[in-house]
Amino acid sequence: MRSDIPIDAVFLREDAPTLQGRLAAAIVRAILETRAHPGARLPSSRKLAQGLNISRMTVTLVYQDLVSQGYLEALPRSGIAVAATVPHRRVDVTSQSASKSQTVRWSRWLSDHDLPRRVIRKPSNWREFRYPFIFGQADPTLFDHNAWRDCARRALGTRDFSELAADRYGADDPLLLDYICSNTLPRRGFHAQPDEVLVTLGAQNALFLATELLARVDRLAVTEEPGYPDFAETLRRARSPTTFLPVDSMGVDPAMLPANTRLIIITPSHHIPTGATMPLSRRRELLLRANETDALIIEDDYDFEMSYLAPPAPALKSLDGSGRVIYIGSFSKSLFPGLRIGYMVAPAPFIARARALRAIMLRHPPSHLQRITAYFLALGHYDAHIVRLRHTLKERRRVLEEAISMTSLQIEGAATQGGSSMWLSARGTDSADLAARLREKSVLIEPGAVFFEEPPSPCPVFRLGYASIAADLIPEGVTRIDRMARKMAQAD
């Protein structure tokens, strides 16, 4: 019996972990891409199996599965055909071509906000590099996938489904809020009520919400130099006048704050990118100055869990007696960056406004991700993960420091409590040029210019992350960096 969909329209791709999954995807793709009409017949299970060189039983099982899903139907004495319930793709080629001939002048429609000038760029294929010294990526070998899978099973089970399937109208997962309030924040030295906490799509989302609500053209903002590029870009988008204060080995010096400062964005526990920790005396002075000038402080406490050489210093928020500090934290750095679960802590009136602003954008982060994270935290998997992570990072840092000590590279900054990166310099080089040449040697580093509003020229500093590279690869990677840096310095 002749089929309407030819065998060569069904081709397998590596888009599913099993052969049955790949075949099912191939058949659905063939139905949609050929715009098959209801009743269009498919090859018999025998012919399709022969054509693809697979088991006939596999084809039969996939046909049965697609029949149950409504893509196919079994016709008496006529084999398998496309069902009337299949989601068809109907494209009017004529109207599509006509629409392409019309030109929209997007420059007249789009906002006049400039595109970000400072963006940290990391190659998407970083795993293909043998020596990936990049910051912010997770080592999958350190993560307990079975525990996460179990938490996902719990979150997607019948007991939780009705609650997670509902629209929360801006509310966050109560289990996650409870853990943050009862466990995470007390470890940073302060407490908060659920109405003082907002779950966000990572720290980035929290930063945007806070800046959107607080930054204005008539309010001077202050942030760090060098510093996290997104601080500068978020303030730039808000058209906020901004002063960039230099950072020394103890972070920003509060004595340098302009008298008219109204908003301060800093990373006091582990400064980005140098790793400097602001001492208690400066933290108290900073809060005193904020009180005197009626300023608010956004504290990004992104990396406190990575304190394995010494106990982490209490958060700046823990010293705040007047509610001036807006605290931002994240689970994405300590778990994996693709999670995108962060949180913001501030007085209830501010959180209420931030929740309303977030609701305009996305209502709330996906409920099932919040619940999976909550289970992972509450069942003790997170604490076990942090212990494992700290132990591994401590060893990698030891190996890295030893390797650097035998080179011409200079350590310009490193978190005294731990962290997962170092701030280095290769004298006589420009780190952007150095990074480009090292890629040819399968080495990735992060050039330093992006962290400066006004970078030095040439810019010899760069960030070296060690969370995603195995300890036994670090010495050779550092040797390659040093060898290339020496070669460049001698050429100049």
Protein backbone atom coordinates (compact mmCIF):
# COMPACT_ATOMS: atom_id res chain seq x y z
CA MET A 1 0.00 0.00 0.00
CA ARG A 2 1.42 3.37 -1.05
CA SER A 3 2.14 5.92 1.70
CA ASP A 4 1.58 9.67 1.38
CA ILE A 5 4.53 10.55 3.63
CA PRO A 6 7.71 9.08 2.12
CA ILE A 7 10.23 7.22 4.22
CA ASP A 8 12.98 9.72 3.41
CA ALA A 9 10.91 12.46 5.11
CA VAL A 10 11.46 10.66 8.41
CA PHE A 11 15.05 11.13 9.52
CA LEU A 12 16.46 10.61 12.99
CA ARG A 13 18.30 13.31 14.93
CA GLU A 14 20.08 13.21 18.26
CA ASP A 15 17.27 15.19 19.91
CA ALA A 16 16.12 12.59 22.44
CA PRO A 17 17.98 10.18 24.75
CA THR A 18 16.23 7.02 23.41
CA LEU A 19 15.67 5.58 19.95
CA GLN A 20 11.90 5.61 20.50
CA GLY A 21 12.03 9.27 21.45
CA ARG A 22 14.10 10.15 18.38
CA LEU A 23 11.75 8.25 16.09
CA ALA A 24 8.65 9.87 17.59
CA ALA A 25 10.19 13.32 17.14
CA ALA A 26 11.15 12.47 13.54
CA ILE A 27 7.61 11.37 12.65
CA VAL A 28 6.01 14.45 14.22
CA ARG A 29 8.55 16.65 12.46
CA ALA A 30 7.76 14.96 9.11
CA ILE A 31 4.02 15.48 9.61
CA LEU A 32 4.41 19.17 10.38
CA GLU A 33 7.09 20.00 7.84
CA THR A 34 5.29 18.27 4.96
CA ARG A 35 2.00 19.90 6.05
CA ALA A 36 0.35 16.50 5.84
CA HIS A 37 -3.45 16.59 5.73
CA PRO A 38 -5.64 14.41 7.97
CA GLY A 39 -5.81 10.93 6.47
CA ALA A 40 -2.36 11.09 4.88
CA ARG A 41 -0.89 7.61 5.26
CA LEU A 42 2.48 6.77 6.78
CA PRO A 43 4.79 3.93 5.73
CA SER A 44 3.92 0.57 7.23
CA SER A 45 5.85 -0.42 10.33
CA ARG A 46 7.77 -3.02 8.29
CA LYS A 47 8.81 -0.60 5.54
CA LEU A 48 9.75 2.20 7.94
CA ALA A 49 11.80 -0.22 10.05
CA GLN A 50 13.64 -1.44 6.96
CA GLY A 51 14.20 2.08 5.66
CA LEU A 52 15.67 3.31 8.96
CA ASN A 53 17.41 0.03 9.79
CA ILE A 54 15.72 -0.27 13.17
CA SER A 55 13.48 -2.83 14.86
CA ARG A 56 9.92 -3.17 13.61
CA MET A 57 8.80 -3.46 17.23
CA THR A 58 10.28 0.00 17.92
CA VAL A 59 8.26 1.46 15.04
CA THR A 60 5.09 -0.30 16.21
CA LEU A 61 5.47 1.03 19.77
CA VAL A 62 6.08 4.58 18.53
CA TYR A 63 3.05 4.42 16.21
CA GLN A 64 0.90 3.25 19.14
CA ASP A 65 2.22 6.06 21.34
CA LEU A 66 1.52 8.73 18.70
CA VAL A 67 -1.98 7.32 18.20
CA SER A 68 -2.64 7.79 21.92
CA GLN A 69 -1.33 11.36 21.70
CA GLY A 70 -3.65 12.25 18.83
CA TYR A 71 -1.02 12.64 16.10
CA LEU A 72 -1.91 9.42 14.28
CA GLU A 73 -4.89 7.12 13.89
CA ALA A 74 -5.17 3.48 12.90
CA LEU A 75 -7.42 2.99 9.84
CA PRO A 76 -9.16 -0.38 9.31
CA ARG A 77 -7.25 -2.27 6.59
CA SER A 78 -5.49 0.98 5.61
CA GLY A 79 -2.61 1.16 8.07
CA ILE A 80 -1.54 4.28 9.99
CA ALA A 81 -2.58 7.79 8.95
CA VAL A 82 -2.34 11.37 10.17
CA ALA A 83 -5.15 12.09 12.63
CA ALA A 84 -7.62 14.94 12.30
CA THR A 85 -6.53 16.20 15.74
CA VAL A 86 -2.90 16.81 14.78
CA PRO A 87 -1.76 20.43 15.34
CA HIS A 88 -1.29 21.51 11.71
CA ARG A 89 1.05 24.18 10.49
CA ARG A 90 -0.72 26.33 7.93
CA VAL A 91 1.46 28.97 6.29
CA ASP A 92 0.16 31.42 3.69
CA VAL A 93 3.24 31.84 1.54
CA THR A 94 1.75 34.70 -0.43
CA SER A 95 0.91 36.84 2.57
CA GLN A 96 4.26 36.01 4.16
CA SER A 97 6.13 37.25 1.10
CA ALA A 98 4.03 40.39 0.97
CA SER A 99 4.79 41.20 4.58
CA LYS A 100 8.52 40.91 3.96
CA SER A 101 8.38 43.63 1.36
CA GLN A 102 7.25 46.15 3.98
CA THR A 103 10.10 47.85 5.84
CA VAL A 104 9.64 48.95 9.45
CA ARG A 105 11.86 51.80 10.55
CA TRP A 106 12.79 50.30 13.88
CA SER A 107 14.94 53.26 14.86
CA ARG A 108 11.75 55.28 15.22
CA TRP A 109 10.05 52.65 17.37
CA LEU A 110 12.77 51.44 19.70
CA SER A 111 13.71 53.26 22.87
CA ASP A 112 16.62 55.66 22.64
CA HIS A 113 18.41 53.78 25.43
CA ASP A 114 21.92 52.89 24.35
CA LEU A 115 22.92 49.26 24.11
CA PRO A 116 25.07 48.08 27.04
CA ARG A 117 28.70 49.09 26.61
CA ARG A 118 30.13 46.71 29.19
CA VAL A 119 29.07 43.08 28.78
CA ILE A 120 30.89 40.02 30.11
CA ARG A 121 31.03 37.58 27.22
CA LYS A 122 31.77 33.90 27.66
CA PRO A 123 31.85 31.48 24.74
CA SER A 124 28.89 29.12 24.71
CA ASN A 125 31.25 26.25 23.87
CA TRP A 126 33.47 26.86 26.91
CA ARG A 127 33.29 23.15 27.81
CA GLU A 128 35.24 22.37 24.64
CA PHE A 129 38.27 24.24 26.02
CA ARG A 130 40.70 22.12 28.00
CA TYR A 131 41.57 24.91 30.47
CA PRO A 132 38.37 26.94 31.13
CA PHE A 133 39.37 29.49 33.79
CA ILE A 134 36.00 31.23 33.69
CA PHE A 135 33.85 32.45 36.56
CA GLY A 136 30.25 31.58 37.28
CA GLN A 137 29.97 28.19 35.60
CA ALA A 138 29.23 25.04 37.56
CA ASP A 139 31.19 21.81 37.61
CA PRO A 140 28.51 19.15 36.94
CA THR A 141 30.62 16.45 38.58
CA LEU A 142 30.07 18.13 41.96
CA PHE A 143 26.28 18.21 41.75
CA ASP A 144 24.01 15.50 43.18
CA HIS A 145 21.77 14.88 40.18
CA ASN A 146 19.89 12.05 41.89
CA ALA A 147 18.92 14.32 44.78
CA TRP A 148 17.74 17.04 42.39
CA ARG A 149 15.74 14.46 40.41
CA ASP A 150 14.10 13.26 43.61
CA CYS A 151 13.16 16.82 44.55
CA ALA A 152 11.74 17.36 41.06
CA ARG A 153 9.69 14.18 41.42
CA ARG A 154 8.29 15.44 44.71
CA ALA A 155 7.50 18.87 43.30
CA LEU A 156 5.74 17.43 40.24
CA GLY A 157 3.82 14.80 42.20
CA THR A 158 0.07 14.70 42.68
CA ARG A 159 0.20 16.22 46.16
CA ASP A 160 1.89 19.41 44.98
CA PHE A 161 0.55 19.70 41.45
CA SER A 162 -2.70 21.55 42.10
CA GLU A 163 -0.89 24.14 44.19
CA LEU A 164 1.92 24.66 41.69
CA ALA A 165 -0.41 24.70 38.68
CA ALA A 166 -2.37 27.65 40.07
CA ASP A 167 -1.61 31.27 39.25
CA ARG A 168 -0.16 32.78 42.42
CA TYR A 169 -0.91 36.33 41.28
CA GLY A 170 2.54 37.54 42.26
CA ALA A 171 2.99 35.43 45.41
CA ASP A 172 6.06 33.23 45.88
CA ASP A 173 6.40 29.64 47.02
CA PRO A 174 5.78 29.53 50.80
CA LEU A 175 8.20 26.63 51.32
CA LEU A 176 11.03 28.53 49.65
CA LEU A 177 10.23 31.72 51.55
CA ASP A 178 10.18 29.79 54.81
CA TYR A 179 13.64 28.33 54.18
CA ILE A 180 15.09 31.70 53.20
CA CYS A 181 13.66 33.37 56.32
CA SER A 182 14.43 30.59 58.79
CA ASN A 183 17.77 29.33 57.47
CA THR A 184 19.53 31.40 54.80
CA LEU A 185 19.17 34.90 56.25
CA PRO A 186 20.03 33.98 59.87
CA ARG A 187 23.30 32.55 58.49
CA ARG A 188 24.00 36.05 57.18
CA GLY A 189 23.31 37.57 60.58
CA PHE A 190 19.76 38.94 60.24
CA HIS A 191 16.10 37.94 60.12
CA ALA A 192 13.17 38.89 57.90
CA GLN A 193 9.46 38.17 57.58
CA PRO A 194 7.99 36.64 54.39
CA ASP A 195 6.53 40.01 53.33
CA GLU A 196 10.11 41.39 53.36
CA VAL A 197 11.38 38.83 50.83
CA LEU A 198 10.83 38.65 47.08
CA VAL A 199 11.94 35.66 45.00
CA THR A 200 13.52 36.76 41.71
CA LEU A 201 14.90 35.28 38.52
CA GLY A 202 18.42 35.38 39.89
CA ALA A 203 20.28 38.30 41.42
CA GLN A 204 20.20 40.04 38.03
CA ASN A 205 16.42 40.37 38.15
CA ALA A 206 16.60 41.67 41.72
CA LEU A 207 19.18 44.30 40.72
CA PHE A 208 17.02 45.47 37.84
CA LEU A 209 13.89 45.75 40.00
CA ALA A 210 15.69 47.65 42.76
CA THR A 211 17.38 50.05 40.36
CA GLU A 212 14.20 50.61 38.38
CA LEU A 213 12.42 51.66 41.57
CA LEU A 214 15.19 53.75 43.14
CA ALA A 215 17.45 55.27 40.47
CA ARG A 216 16.46 58.67 39.03
CA VAL A 217 18.10 61.43 37.07
CA ASP A 218 18.17 63.63 40.18
CA ARG A 219 19.72 60.99 42.47
CA LEU A 220 23.48 60.46 42.42
CA ALA A 221 24.44 56.79 42.46
CA VAL A 222 27.80 55.39 43.52
CA THR A 223 29.30 52.02 42.63
CA GLU A 224 32.70 50.34 42.51
CA GLU A 225 35.65 50.78 40.10
CA PRO A 226 36.51 48.19 38.98
CA GLY A 227 33.17 46.56 39.53
CA TYR A 228 30.42 44.36 38.18
CA PRO A 229 29.54 45.69 34.69
CA ASP A 230 25.80 45.24 35.13
CA PHE A 231 25.77 47.71 38.01
CA ALA A 232 27.00 50.39 35.63
CA GLU A 233 24.73 49.34 32.78
CA THR A 234 21.60 49.17 34.93
CA LEU A 235 22.28 52.66 36.28
CA ARG A 236 23.03 53.89 32.77
CA ARG A 237 19.69 52.57 31.57
CA ALA A 238 17.96 54.45 34.39
CA ARG A 239 19.83 57.60 33.28
CA SER A 240 21.19 57.90 36.79
CA PRO A 241 24.20 60.17 37.32
CA THR A 242 26.88 57.80 38.58
CA THR A 243 30.19 58.15 40.40
CA PHE A 244 32.64 55.24 40.25
CA LEU A 245 34.74 55.00 43.41
CA PRO A 246 38.09 53.17 43.33
CA VAL A 247 38.37 49.94 45.29
CA ASP A 248 41.37 49.11 47.45
CA SER A 249 42.16 45.94 49.41
CA MET A 250 39.27 46.73 51.77
CA GLY A 251 36.68 47.66 49.17
CA VAL A 252 35.18 51.11 48.75
CA ASP A 253 36.32 53.81 51.17
CA PRO A 254 33.17 55.46 52.64
CA ALA A 255 35.14 58.69 53.24
CA MET A 256 35.21 59.18 49.45
CA LEU A 257 31.43 59.21 49.06
CA PRO A 258 30.16 62.49 47.58
CA ALA A 259 27.95 64.46 49.97
CA ASN A 260 24.96 64.22 47.62
CA THR A 261 25.09 60.43 47.23
CA ARG A 262 21.59 58.87 47.27
CA LEU A 263 22.12 55.30 46.04
CA ILE A 264 25.09 52.94 46.62
CA ILE A 265 25.51 49.58 44.87
CA ILE A 266 28.31 47.40 46.26
CA THR A 267 29.61 43.87 46.84
CA PRO A 268 31.08 44.18 50.35
CA SER A 269 31.60 40.50 51.20
CA HIS A 270 33.37 39.39 48.00
CA HIS A 271 34.00 42.37 45.76
CA ILE A 272 33.59 41.79 42.03
CA PRO A 273 36.17 41.19 40.58
CA THR A 274 39.02 41.60 43.10
CA GLY A 275 37.51 39.53 45.93
CA ALA A 276 38.21 42.26 48.53
CA THR A 277 36.18 42.02 51.74
CA MET A 278 35.05 45.23 53.40
CA PRO A 279 36.05 45.17 57.10
CA LEU A 280 33.59 45.81 59.90
CA SER A 281 34.88 49.35 60.52
CA ARG A 282 34.23 50.42 56.94
CA ARG A 283 30.81 48.79 56.91
CA ARG A 284 29.78 50.77 59.97
CA GLU A 285 31.20 53.96 58.48
CA LEU A 286 29.33 53.30 55.23
CA LEU A 287 26.03 52.92 57.08
CA LEU A 288 26.75 56.08 59.07
CA ARG A 289 27.40 58.05 55.88
CA ALA A 290 24.23 56.62 54.31
CA ASN A 291 22.23 57.83 57.30
CA GLU A 292 23.81 61.29 57.10
CA THR A 293 23.07 61.71 53.38
CA ASP A 294 19.72 59.83 53.42
CA ALA A 295 21.13 57.29 50.95
CA LEU A 296 20.06 53.71 50.27
CA ILE A 297 22.42 50.77 49.72
CA ILE A 298 21.96 47.78 47.41
CA GLU A 299 24.12 44.95 48.75
CA ASP A 300 24.89 42.11 46.33
CA ASP A 301 25.91 39.17 48.52
CA TYR A 302 26.33 36.78 45.59
CA ASP A 303 29.14 34.51 46.85
CA PHE A 304 28.99 34.19 50.63
CA GLU A 305 28.62 30.39 50.52
CA MET A 306 32.08 30.11 48.99
CA SER A 307 33.83 30.93 52.29
CA TYR A 308 36.04 27.94 53.04
CA LEU A 309 39.25 29.57 54.32
CA ALA A 310 37.51 31.54 57.08
CA PRO A 311 33.93 32.06 58.30
CA PRO A 312 32.06 34.57 56.12
CA ALA A 313 31.75 38.10 57.44
CA PRO A 314 28.18 39.01 58.44
CA ALA A 315 26.23 40.74 55.72
CA LEU A 316 26.13 44.52 55.66
CA LYS A 317 22.38 44.11 56.11
CA SER A 318 22.99 42.58 59.55
CA LEU A 319 24.40 45.92 60.77
CA ASP A 320 21.56 47.95 59.29
CA GLY A 321 19.34 49.35 62.04
CA SER A 322 17.43 51.82 59.88
CA GLY A 323 16.27 49.71 56.94
CA ARG A 324 18.57 51.38 54.39
CA VAL A 325 20.10 48.21 52.97
CA ILE A 326 18.39 46.26 50.19
CA TYR A 327 19.93 42.81 50.26
CA ILE A 328 20.29 40.63 47.15
CA GLY A 329 21.17 36.93 47.29
CA SER A 330 21.09 34.01 44.88
CA PHE A 331 21.09 30.21 44.79
CA SER A 332 22.21 30.21 41.15
CA LYS A 333 25.88 30.80 41.96
CA SER A 334 26.12 28.01 44.53
CA LEU A 335 23.93 25.48 42.66
CA PHE A 336 24.08 26.15 38.92
CA PRO A 337 23.66 29.37 36.91
CA GLY A 338 20.82 28.05 34.76
CA LEU A 339 18.60 27.78 37.85
CA ARG A 340 17.99 31.56 37.98
CA ILE A 341 16.54 31.61 41.50
CA GLY A 342 17.52 34.61 43.62
CA TYR A 343 15.88 36.77 46.26
CA MET A 344 15.73 40.32 47.53
CA VAL A 345 15.25 41.36 51.17
CA ALA A 346 14.09 44.84 52.20
CA PRO A 347 11.42 46.57 54.30
CA ALA A 348 7.90 45.44 53.45
CA PRO A 349 6.80 48.67 51.68
CA PHE A 350 9.67 48.39 49.22
CA ILE A 351 9.11 44.67 48.62
CA ALA A 352 5.42 45.34 47.93
CA ARG A 353 6.36 47.86 45.22
CA ALA A 354 8.99 45.50 43.81
CA ARG A 355 6.43 42.67 43.73
CA ALA A 356 3.99 44.85 41.81
CA LEU A 357 6.71 45.79 39.31
CA ARG A 358 7.76 42.16 38.92
CA ALA A 359 4.13 41.15 38.32
CA ILE A 360 4.01 43.41 35.28
CA MET A 361 7.01 41.57 33.86
CA LEU A 362 6.49 37.91 34.81
CA ARG A 363 4.06 37.53 37.76
CA HIS A 364 6.54 35.28 39.60
CA PRO A 365 9.41 32.87 38.85
CA PRO A 366 8.13 29.41 37.78
CA SER A 367 6.41 27.77 40.72
CA HIS A 368 7.79 24.30 40.06
CA LEU A 369 11.39 25.60 40.04
CA GLN A 370 10.77 27.41 43.31
CA ARG A 371 9.33 24.23 44.87
CA ILE A 372 12.14 21.97 43.57
CA THR A 373 14.68 24.40 45.01
CA ALA A 374 12.77 24.54 48.29
CA TYR A 375 12.83 20.75 48.62
CA PHE A 376 16.53 20.63 47.73
CA LEU A 377 17.22 23.15 50.49
CA ALA A 378 14.87 21.77 53.12
CA LEU A 379 15.91 18.12 52.73
CA GLY A 380 19.56 18.93 53.42
CA HIS A 381 20.87 18.36 49.89
CA TYR A 382 21.95 21.99 49.58
CA ASP A 383 24.10 21.92 52.73
CA ALA A 384 25.73 18.68 51.58
CA HIS A 385 26.41 20.27 48.19
CA ILE A 386 28.00 23.34 49.79
CA VAL A 387 30.29 21.18 51.94
CA ARG A 388 31.39 19.27 48.84
CA LEU A 389 31.85 22.48 46.86
CA ARG A 390 33.90 24.20 49.56
CA HIS A 391 36.20 21.21 49.92
CA THR A 392 36.80 21.06 46.16
CA LEU A 393 37.34 24.80 45.76
CA LYS A 394 39.77 24.88 48.66
CA GLU A 395 41.93 22.26 46.97
CA ARG A 396 41.72 23.98 43.58
CA ARG A 397 42.70 27.30 45.11
CA ARG A 398 45.70 25.70 46.80
CA VAL A 399 46.82 24.22 43.49
CA LEU A 400 46.21 27.51 41.68
CA GLU A 401 48.20 29.59 44.20
CA GLU A 402 51.08 27.12 44.02
CA ALA A 403 51.06 27.20 40.23
CA ILE A 404 50.97 31.02 40.10
CA SER A 405 53.86 31.28 42.56
CA MET A 406 56.13 29.69 39.97
CA THR A 407 55.24 32.18 37.24
CA SER A 408 55.60 35.88 36.44
CA LEU A 409 51.87 36.41 37.00
CA GLN A 410 50.85 38.66 39.91
CA ILE A 411 47.87 38.14 42.21
CA GLU A 412 46.18 41.54 42.45
CA GLY A 413 43.21 40.37 44.48
CA ALA A 414 41.62 37.26 45.98
CA ALA A 415 38.91 36.75 48.57
CA THR A 416 40.61 36.08 51.90
CA GLN A 417 37.68 33.89 52.97
CA GLY A 418 37.62 31.73 49.83
CA GLY A 419 35.71 32.50 46.66
CA SER A 420 36.02 30.88 43.25
CA SER A 421 38.18 33.32 41.29
CA MET A 422 41.36 35.41 41.45
CA TRP A 423 42.23 38.81 40.04
CA LEU A 424 45.60 38.61 38.30
CA SER A 425 47.84 40.76 36.17
CA ALA A 426 50.33 39.92 33.45
CA ARG A 427 52.65 42.92 33.34
CA GLY A 428 53.48 44.25 29.90
CA THR A 429 50.39 42.76 28.22
CA ASP A 430 46.84 43.71 27.39
CA SER A 431 44.56 41.02 28.82
CA ALA A 432 42.13 41.18 25.88
CA ASP A 433 44.96 40.38 23.47
CA LEU A 434 46.29 37.77 25.89
CA ALA A 435 42.86 36.11 26.10
CA ALA A 436 42.50 36.01 22.31
CA ARG A 437 45.88 34.32 21.88
CA LEU A 438 45.22 31.86 24.72
CA ARG A 439 42.05 30.61 23.05
CA GLU A 440 44.24 29.14 20.36
CA LYS A 441 45.93 27.16 23.16
CA SER A 442 42.54 25.93 24.52
CA VAL A 443 42.77 28.29 27.52
CA LEU A 444 39.98 30.64 28.59
CA ILE A 445 40.50 33.67 30.83
CA GLU A 446 38.32 36.75 31.40
CA PRO A 447 39.93 40.04 30.27
CA GLY A 448 39.69 42.80 32.87
CA ALA A 449 38.69 45.88 30.83
CA VAL A 450 34.97 45.07 31.05
CA PHE A 451 35.05 45.62 34.82
CA PHE A 452 36.18 49.26 34.46
CA GLU A 453 34.17 52.29 33.45
CA GLU A 454 37.49 53.80 32.37
CA PRO A 455 39.89 50.86 31.88
CA PRO A 456 43.64 51.40 31.81
CA SER A 457 45.30 51.08 28.43
CA PRO A 458 46.77 48.58 28.06
CA CYS A 459 44.75 46.65 30.66
CA PRO A 460 46.97 43.90 32.14
CA VAL A 461 44.48 42.54 34.70
CA PHE A 462 42.15 39.59 34.20
CA ARG A 463 39.93 37.29 36.21
CA LEU A 464 40.78 33.63 36.63
CA GLY A 465 37.91 31.41 37.76
CA TYR A 466 38.55 27.92 39.08
CA ALA A 467 35.08 26.51 39.76
CA SER A 468 34.75 24.77 36.41
CA ILE A 469 38.28 23.39 35.88
CA ALA A 470 39.65 20.22 37.45
CA ALA A 471 42.55 20.60 39.88
CA ASP A 472 44.89 18.42 37.84
CA LEU A 473 44.49 20.70 34.80
CA ILE A 474 45.25 23.94 36.65
CA PRO A 475 49.09 23.80 36.66
CA GLU A 476 49.40 23.27 32.91
CA GLY A 477 46.74 25.92 32.23
CA VAL A 478 48.60 28.48 34.35
CA THR A 479 51.86 27.54 32.65
CA ARG A 480 50.30 28.25 29.25
CA ILE A 481 49.04 31.63 30.46
CA ASP A 482 52.45 32.58 31.83
CA ARG A 483 54.28 31.36 28.71
CA MET A 484 52.04 33.42 26.44
CA ALA A 485 52.27 36.50 28.70
CA ARG A 486 56.08 36.32 28.72
CA LYS A 487 56.15 35.98 24.94
CA MET A 488 53.93 39.04 24.53
CA ALA A 489 55.91 41.12 27.02
CA GLN A 490 59.19 40.27 25.29
CA ALA A 491 57.75 41.16 21.89
CA ASP A 492 56.89 44.66 23.15
